[in-house]
N, C-alpha and C. Protein backbone atom coordinates (compact mmCIF):
# COMPACT_ATOMS: atom_id res chain seq x y z
N MET A 1 15.01 137.43 -101.63
CA MET A 1 14.90 138.41 -102.69
C MET A 1 16.15 138.28 -103.55
N GLY A 2 16.00 138.32 -104.86
CA GLY A 2 17.14 138.24 -105.75
C GLY A 2 16.70 138.11 -107.19
N SER A 3 17.65 138.26 -108.09
CA SER A 3 17.32 138.23 -109.51
C SER A 3 17.99 137.08 -110.24
N GLY A 4 18.46 136.11 -109.56
CA GLY A 4 19.15 134.98 -110.18
C GLY A 4 20.64 134.98 -109.92
N ASN A 5 21.26 136.17 -109.95
CA ASN A 5 22.69 136.26 -109.70
C ASN A 5 23.02 136.61 -108.26
N PHE A 6 22.02 136.88 -107.45
CA PHE A 6 22.26 137.18 -106.04
C PHE A 6 21.00 136.91 -105.24
N GLU A 7 21.19 136.77 -103.93
CA GLU A 7 20.07 136.67 -102.99
C GLU A 7 20.30 137.66 -101.87
N TRP A 8 19.24 138.25 -101.38
CA TRP A 8 19.29 139.23 -100.30
C TRP A 8 18.31 138.79 -99.24
N VAL A 9 18.77 138.74 -97.99
CA VAL A 9 17.92 138.31 -96.88
C VAL A 9 18.15 139.22 -95.69
N ASP A 10 17.07 139.67 -95.09
CA ASP A 10 17.13 140.39 -93.81
C ASP A 10 16.93 139.34 -92.73
N THR A 11 18.01 138.91 -92.08
CA THR A 11 17.92 137.82 -91.11
C THR A 11 17.07 138.18 -89.90
N THR A 12 16.87 139.48 -89.63
CA THR A 12 16.05 139.85 -88.47
C THR A 12 14.59 139.46 -88.68
N GLY A 13 14.18 139.25 -89.93
CA GLY A 13 12.80 138.85 -90.20
C GLY A 13 12.60 137.36 -90.32
N LEU A 14 13.66 136.59 -90.21
CA LEU A 14 13.54 135.13 -90.32
C LEU A 14 13.05 134.54 -89.00
N PRO A 15 12.26 133.45 -89.08
CA PRO A 15 11.81 132.81 -87.83
C PRO A 15 12.96 132.11 -87.12
N GLY A 16 12.94 132.13 -85.81
CA GLY A 16 13.92 131.39 -85.03
C GLY A 16 13.57 129.92 -85.01
N VAL A 17 14.58 129.08 -85.17
CA VAL A 17 14.41 127.63 -85.18
C VAL A 17 15.25 127.05 -84.05
N ASP A 18 14.67 126.16 -83.25
CA ASP A 18 15.45 125.50 -82.20
C ASP A 18 16.55 124.66 -82.83
N CYS A 19 17.73 124.70 -82.22
CA CYS A 19 18.87 123.91 -82.68
C CYS A 19 19.65 123.47 -81.44
N PRO A 20 20.64 122.57 -81.59
CA PRO A 20 21.38 122.10 -80.43
C PRO A 20 22.07 123.22 -79.65
N CYS A 21 22.33 124.34 -80.31
CA CYS A 21 23.05 125.44 -79.66
C CYS A 21 22.13 126.49 -79.04
N GLY A 22 20.88 126.52 -79.44
CA GLY A 22 19.94 127.53 -78.95
C GLY A 22 18.88 127.82 -79.98
N THR A 23 18.94 129.03 -80.58
CA THR A 23 17.98 129.42 -81.60
C THR A 23 18.73 129.98 -82.81
N ALA A 24 18.37 129.47 -84.00
CA ALA A 24 19.05 129.89 -85.23
C ALA A 24 18.05 130.55 -86.18
N ARG A 25 18.52 131.57 -86.86
CA ARG A 25 17.79 132.20 -87.98
C ARG A 25 18.61 131.86 -89.22
N ARG A 26 18.05 131.00 -90.09
CA ARG A 26 18.82 130.41 -91.18
C ARG A 26 18.48 131.05 -92.52
N ALA A 27 19.50 131.49 -93.22
CA ALA A 27 19.33 132.09 -94.55
C ALA A 27 19.98 131.20 -95.61
N PHE A 28 19.40 131.22 -96.79
CA PHE A 28 19.92 130.51 -97.98
C PHE A 28 19.87 128.99 -97.84
N VAL A 29 18.87 128.47 -97.12
CA VAL A 29 18.76 127.02 -96.94
C VAL A 29 17.78 126.36 -97.91
N THR A 30 16.97 127.13 -98.60
CA THR A 30 15.92 126.52 -99.43
C THR A 30 16.24 126.47 -100.91
N ASP A 31 17.24 127.18 -101.37
CA ASP A 31 17.60 127.18 -102.79
C ASP A 31 18.39 125.93 -103.11
N PRO A 32 17.86 125.05 -103.98
CA PRO A 32 18.57 123.81 -104.26
C PRO A 32 19.94 124.00 -104.90
N GLY A 33 20.21 125.17 -105.49
CA GLY A 33 21.51 125.41 -106.10
C GLY A 33 22.51 126.06 -105.18
N SER A 34 22.13 126.33 -103.95
CA SER A 34 23.00 127.02 -103.01
C SER A 34 24.10 126.09 -102.51
N VAL A 35 25.31 126.64 -102.33
CA VAL A 35 26.43 125.84 -101.86
C VAL A 35 26.74 126.06 -100.39
N ALA A 36 26.10 127.07 -99.78
CA ALA A 36 26.36 127.39 -98.38
C ALA A 36 25.12 128.04 -97.78
N SER A 37 25.04 128.03 -96.47
CA SER A 37 23.97 128.75 -95.77
C SER A 37 24.60 129.57 -94.65
N VAL A 38 23.85 130.59 -94.22
CA VAL A 38 24.31 131.51 -93.19
C VAL A 38 23.27 131.51 -92.09
N HIS A 39 23.72 131.41 -90.85
CA HIS A 39 22.81 131.39 -89.71
C HIS A 39 23.27 132.41 -88.68
N ILE A 40 22.31 133.12 -88.10
CA ILE A 40 22.57 133.93 -86.92
C ILE A 40 22.06 133.09 -85.76
N VAL A 41 22.94 132.76 -84.82
CA VAL A 41 22.58 131.83 -83.74
C VAL A 41 22.72 132.53 -82.39
N GLU A 42 21.67 132.43 -81.60
CA GLU A 42 21.71 132.87 -80.20
C GLU A 42 22.08 131.63 -79.39
N ILE A 43 23.32 131.58 -78.90
CA ILE A 43 23.81 130.44 -78.13
C ILE A 43 23.22 130.50 -76.73
N GLN A 44 22.70 129.38 -76.27
CA GLN A 44 22.18 129.26 -74.91
C GLN A 44 23.22 128.54 -74.06
N THR A 45 23.19 128.74 -72.78
CA THR A 45 24.19 128.15 -71.89
C THR A 45 24.11 126.63 -71.85
N ASP A 46 22.99 126.06 -72.25
CA ASP A 46 22.83 124.61 -72.18
C ASP A 46 22.89 123.95 -73.56
N SER A 47 23.75 124.44 -74.44
CA SER A 47 23.84 123.86 -75.78
C SER A 47 24.29 122.40 -75.69
N LYS A 48 23.91 121.62 -76.71
CA LYS A 48 24.17 120.18 -76.70
C LYS A 48 25.35 119.84 -77.60
N ARG A 49 26.22 119.00 -77.07
CA ARG A 49 27.38 118.53 -77.85
C ARG A 49 26.85 117.70 -79.02
N HIS A 50 27.38 117.96 -80.22
CA HIS A 50 26.94 117.26 -81.42
C HIS A 50 28.05 117.31 -82.46
N PHE A 51 27.81 116.68 -83.59
CA PHE A 51 28.76 116.73 -84.70
C PHE A 51 28.00 116.56 -86.00
N HIS A 52 28.70 116.80 -87.09
CA HIS A 52 28.13 116.64 -88.43
C HIS A 52 29.05 115.72 -89.22
N LYS A 53 28.47 114.90 -90.07
CA LYS A 53 29.27 113.99 -90.89
C LYS A 53 29.71 114.62 -92.21
N ARG A 54 28.92 115.59 -92.71
CA ARG A 54 29.23 116.21 -94.00
C ARG A 54 29.50 117.71 -93.90
N LEU A 55 28.96 118.36 -92.92
CA LEU A 55 28.95 119.81 -92.83
C LEU A 55 30.21 120.38 -92.19
N THR A 56 30.75 121.44 -92.78
CA THR A 56 31.78 122.25 -92.15
C THR A 56 31.12 123.55 -91.72
N GLU A 57 31.31 123.90 -90.44
CA GLU A 57 30.74 125.13 -89.91
C GLU A 57 31.87 126.10 -89.57
N THR A 58 31.63 127.38 -89.80
CA THR A 58 32.55 128.41 -89.33
C THR A 58 31.75 129.35 -88.44
N TYR A 59 32.12 129.36 -87.17
CA TYR A 59 31.47 130.25 -86.20
C TYR A 59 32.27 131.55 -86.15
N PHE A 60 31.57 132.68 -86.17
CA PHE A 60 32.19 133.98 -85.94
C PHE A 60 31.41 134.65 -84.83
N VAL A 61 32.07 134.93 -83.72
CA VAL A 61 31.39 135.49 -82.54
C VAL A 61 31.12 136.98 -82.76
N LEU A 62 29.83 137.33 -82.68
CA LEU A 62 29.41 138.72 -82.83
C LEU A 62 29.29 139.44 -81.50
N ASP A 63 28.78 138.72 -80.49
CA ASP A 63 28.51 139.35 -79.20
C ASP A 63 28.54 138.28 -78.10
N GLY A 64 29.02 138.66 -76.92
CA GLY A 64 29.04 137.76 -75.77
C GLY A 64 30.39 137.07 -75.63
N ASP A 65 30.49 136.29 -74.58
CA ASP A 65 31.72 135.57 -74.27
C ASP A 65 31.37 134.16 -73.84
N GLY A 66 32.33 133.26 -74.00
CA GLY A 66 32.13 131.90 -73.55
C GLY A 66 33.29 131.03 -73.96
N GLU A 67 32.99 129.77 -74.15
CA GLU A 67 34.00 128.79 -74.54
C GLU A 67 33.44 127.89 -75.62
N MET A 68 34.34 127.26 -76.36
CA MET A 68 33.96 126.29 -77.37
C MET A 68 34.62 124.98 -77.03
N GLU A 69 33.81 123.95 -76.85
CA GLU A 69 34.33 122.60 -76.66
C GLU A 69 34.46 121.99 -78.05
N LEU A 70 35.69 121.60 -78.40
CA LEU A 70 36.00 121.02 -79.70
C LEU A 70 36.75 119.72 -79.47
N ASP A 71 36.06 118.58 -79.66
CA ASP A 71 36.61 117.28 -79.29
C ASP A 71 37.07 117.35 -77.84
N ASP A 72 38.37 117.23 -77.57
CA ASP A 72 38.86 117.22 -76.19
C ASP A 72 39.49 118.54 -75.77
N GLU A 73 39.29 119.60 -76.54
CA GLU A 73 39.87 120.90 -76.20
C GLU A 73 38.78 121.91 -75.88
N VAL A 74 39.13 122.89 -75.07
CA VAL A 74 38.22 123.99 -74.74
C VAL A 74 38.95 125.29 -75.06
N LEU A 75 38.34 126.11 -75.91
CA LEU A 75 38.96 127.37 -76.33
C LEU A 75 38.05 128.54 -75.98
N PRO A 76 38.64 129.70 -75.65
CA PRO A 76 37.84 130.87 -75.29
C PRO A 76 37.18 131.50 -76.52
N LEU A 77 35.97 132.02 -76.33
CA LEU A 77 35.25 132.74 -77.37
C LEU A 77 34.95 134.15 -76.90
N ARG A 78 35.09 135.10 -77.80
CA ARG A 78 34.76 136.50 -77.55
C ARG A 78 34.51 137.14 -78.91
N PRO A 79 33.91 138.31 -78.96
CA PRO A 79 33.65 138.95 -80.25
C PRO A 79 34.91 139.06 -81.10
N GLY A 80 34.76 138.71 -82.37
CA GLY A 80 35.88 138.76 -83.31
C GLY A 80 36.59 137.44 -83.52
N VAL A 81 36.31 136.44 -82.68
CA VAL A 81 36.96 135.13 -82.81
C VAL A 81 36.17 134.29 -83.83
N ALA A 82 36.92 133.59 -84.70
CA ALA A 82 36.33 132.67 -85.66
C ALA A 82 36.85 131.26 -85.40
N VAL A 83 35.99 130.26 -85.57
CA VAL A 83 36.36 128.86 -85.38
C VAL A 83 35.79 128.06 -86.54
N ARG A 84 36.65 127.32 -87.25
CA ARG A 84 36.17 126.42 -88.30
C ARG A 84 36.05 125.03 -87.70
N ILE A 85 34.88 124.41 -87.87
CA ILE A 85 34.58 123.09 -87.30
C ILE A 85 34.37 122.11 -88.45
N LYS A 86 35.29 121.19 -88.59
CA LYS A 86 35.24 120.24 -89.71
C LYS A 86 34.34 119.06 -89.39
N PRO A 87 33.89 118.32 -90.41
CA PRO A 87 33.05 117.16 -90.18
C PRO A 87 33.71 116.19 -89.19
N GLY A 88 32.90 115.65 -88.29
CA GLY A 88 33.37 114.68 -87.31
C GLY A 88 33.82 115.28 -85.99
N CYS A 89 34.02 116.60 -85.94
CA CYS A 89 34.45 117.25 -84.70
C CYS A 89 33.25 117.44 -83.78
N ARG A 90 33.31 116.82 -82.61
CA ARG A 90 32.25 117.00 -81.63
C ARG A 90 32.43 118.38 -81.00
N HIS A 91 31.34 119.12 -80.93
CA HIS A 91 31.46 120.51 -80.49
C HIS A 91 30.21 121.01 -79.80
N ARG A 92 30.43 122.05 -79.02
CA ARG A 92 29.35 122.83 -78.45
C ARG A 92 29.94 124.13 -77.91
N ALA A 93 29.14 125.17 -77.99
CA ALA A 93 29.53 126.45 -77.41
C ALA A 93 28.91 126.53 -76.02
N VAL A 94 29.64 127.13 -75.09
CA VAL A 94 29.18 127.27 -73.72
C VAL A 94 29.21 128.74 -73.36
N GLY A 95 28.08 129.25 -72.91
CA GLY A 95 27.95 130.66 -72.57
C GLY A 95 26.84 131.28 -73.38
N ARG A 96 26.57 132.52 -73.09
CA ARG A 96 25.54 133.24 -73.84
C ARG A 96 26.24 134.14 -74.84
N MET A 97 25.94 133.91 -76.12
CA MET A 97 26.55 134.74 -77.16
C MET A 97 25.74 134.68 -78.44
N LYS A 98 26.05 135.56 -79.33
CA LYS A 98 25.44 135.61 -80.65
C LYS A 98 26.55 135.37 -81.66
N ILE A 99 26.32 134.42 -82.58
CA ILE A 99 27.33 134.10 -83.58
C ILE A 99 26.74 134.14 -84.98
N LEU A 100 27.63 134.33 -85.93
CA LEU A 100 27.33 134.11 -87.34
C LEU A 100 27.90 132.73 -87.66
N ASN A 101 27.08 131.84 -88.19
CA ASN A 101 27.52 130.49 -88.53
C ASN A 101 27.39 130.31 -90.04
N MET A 102 28.51 130.06 -90.71
CA MET A 102 28.51 129.82 -92.14
C MET A 102 28.68 128.33 -92.37
N CYS A 103 27.74 127.72 -93.07
CA CYS A 103 27.72 126.26 -93.25
C CYS A 103 27.97 125.89 -94.70
N VAL A 104 28.92 124.96 -94.91
CA VAL A 104 29.23 124.44 -96.24
C VAL A 104 29.26 122.93 -96.15
N PRO A 105 28.48 122.19 -96.92
CA PRO A 105 27.44 122.68 -97.82
C PRO A 105 26.27 123.24 -97.03
N VAL A 106 25.18 123.55 -97.72
CA VAL A 106 23.98 124.08 -97.08
C VAL A 106 23.59 123.20 -95.89
N PHE A 107 23.16 123.83 -94.81
CA PHE A 107 22.76 123.11 -93.61
C PHE A 107 21.68 122.07 -93.93
N ASP A 108 21.86 120.90 -93.36
CA ASP A 108 20.89 119.80 -93.49
C ASP A 108 20.60 119.29 -92.08
N PRO A 109 19.35 119.44 -91.61
CA PRO A 109 19.03 118.99 -90.24
C PRO A 109 19.23 117.49 -90.03
N ASP A 110 19.28 116.71 -91.10
CA ASP A 110 19.54 115.27 -90.98
C ASP A 110 21.02 114.96 -90.74
N ASP A 111 21.86 116.00 -90.77
CA ASP A 111 23.29 115.82 -90.52
C ASP A 111 23.69 116.37 -89.16
N GLU A 112 22.81 116.24 -88.18
CA GLU A 112 23.12 116.56 -86.78
C GLU A 112 23.14 115.25 -86.02
N TRP A 113 24.26 114.95 -85.38
CA TRP A 113 24.46 113.67 -84.71
C TRP A 113 24.85 113.92 -83.26
N PHE A 114 24.35 113.06 -82.38
CA PHE A 114 24.61 113.15 -80.95
C PHE A 114 25.16 111.82 -80.46
N ASP A 115 26.08 111.87 -79.51
CA ASP A 115 26.63 110.64 -78.92
C ASP A 115 25.65 110.02 -77.94
């Protein structure tokens, strides 16, 4: 919903899409002029390590606890923690949590890479 100068999305009504981390509800991914997308992600304990060649992701933990594997480091996650993941960084979240994921540029499923 929007009038050209803004877009409004109720993410609770978006369909869940399987992703390497669990299930994502993706907003602002279909507008060709959009520079970023926003995802609400339910992290599953068996998320898959992956990376992006073009995408920068910023995870903001909303609920739950766990860890983030970032290349060769493991950092704790809890509500209120933010992590910026630059292109080329192999990553995965471990634990059950809900995050806000801001993607720049707009998320592209063809930019998910696995070792």
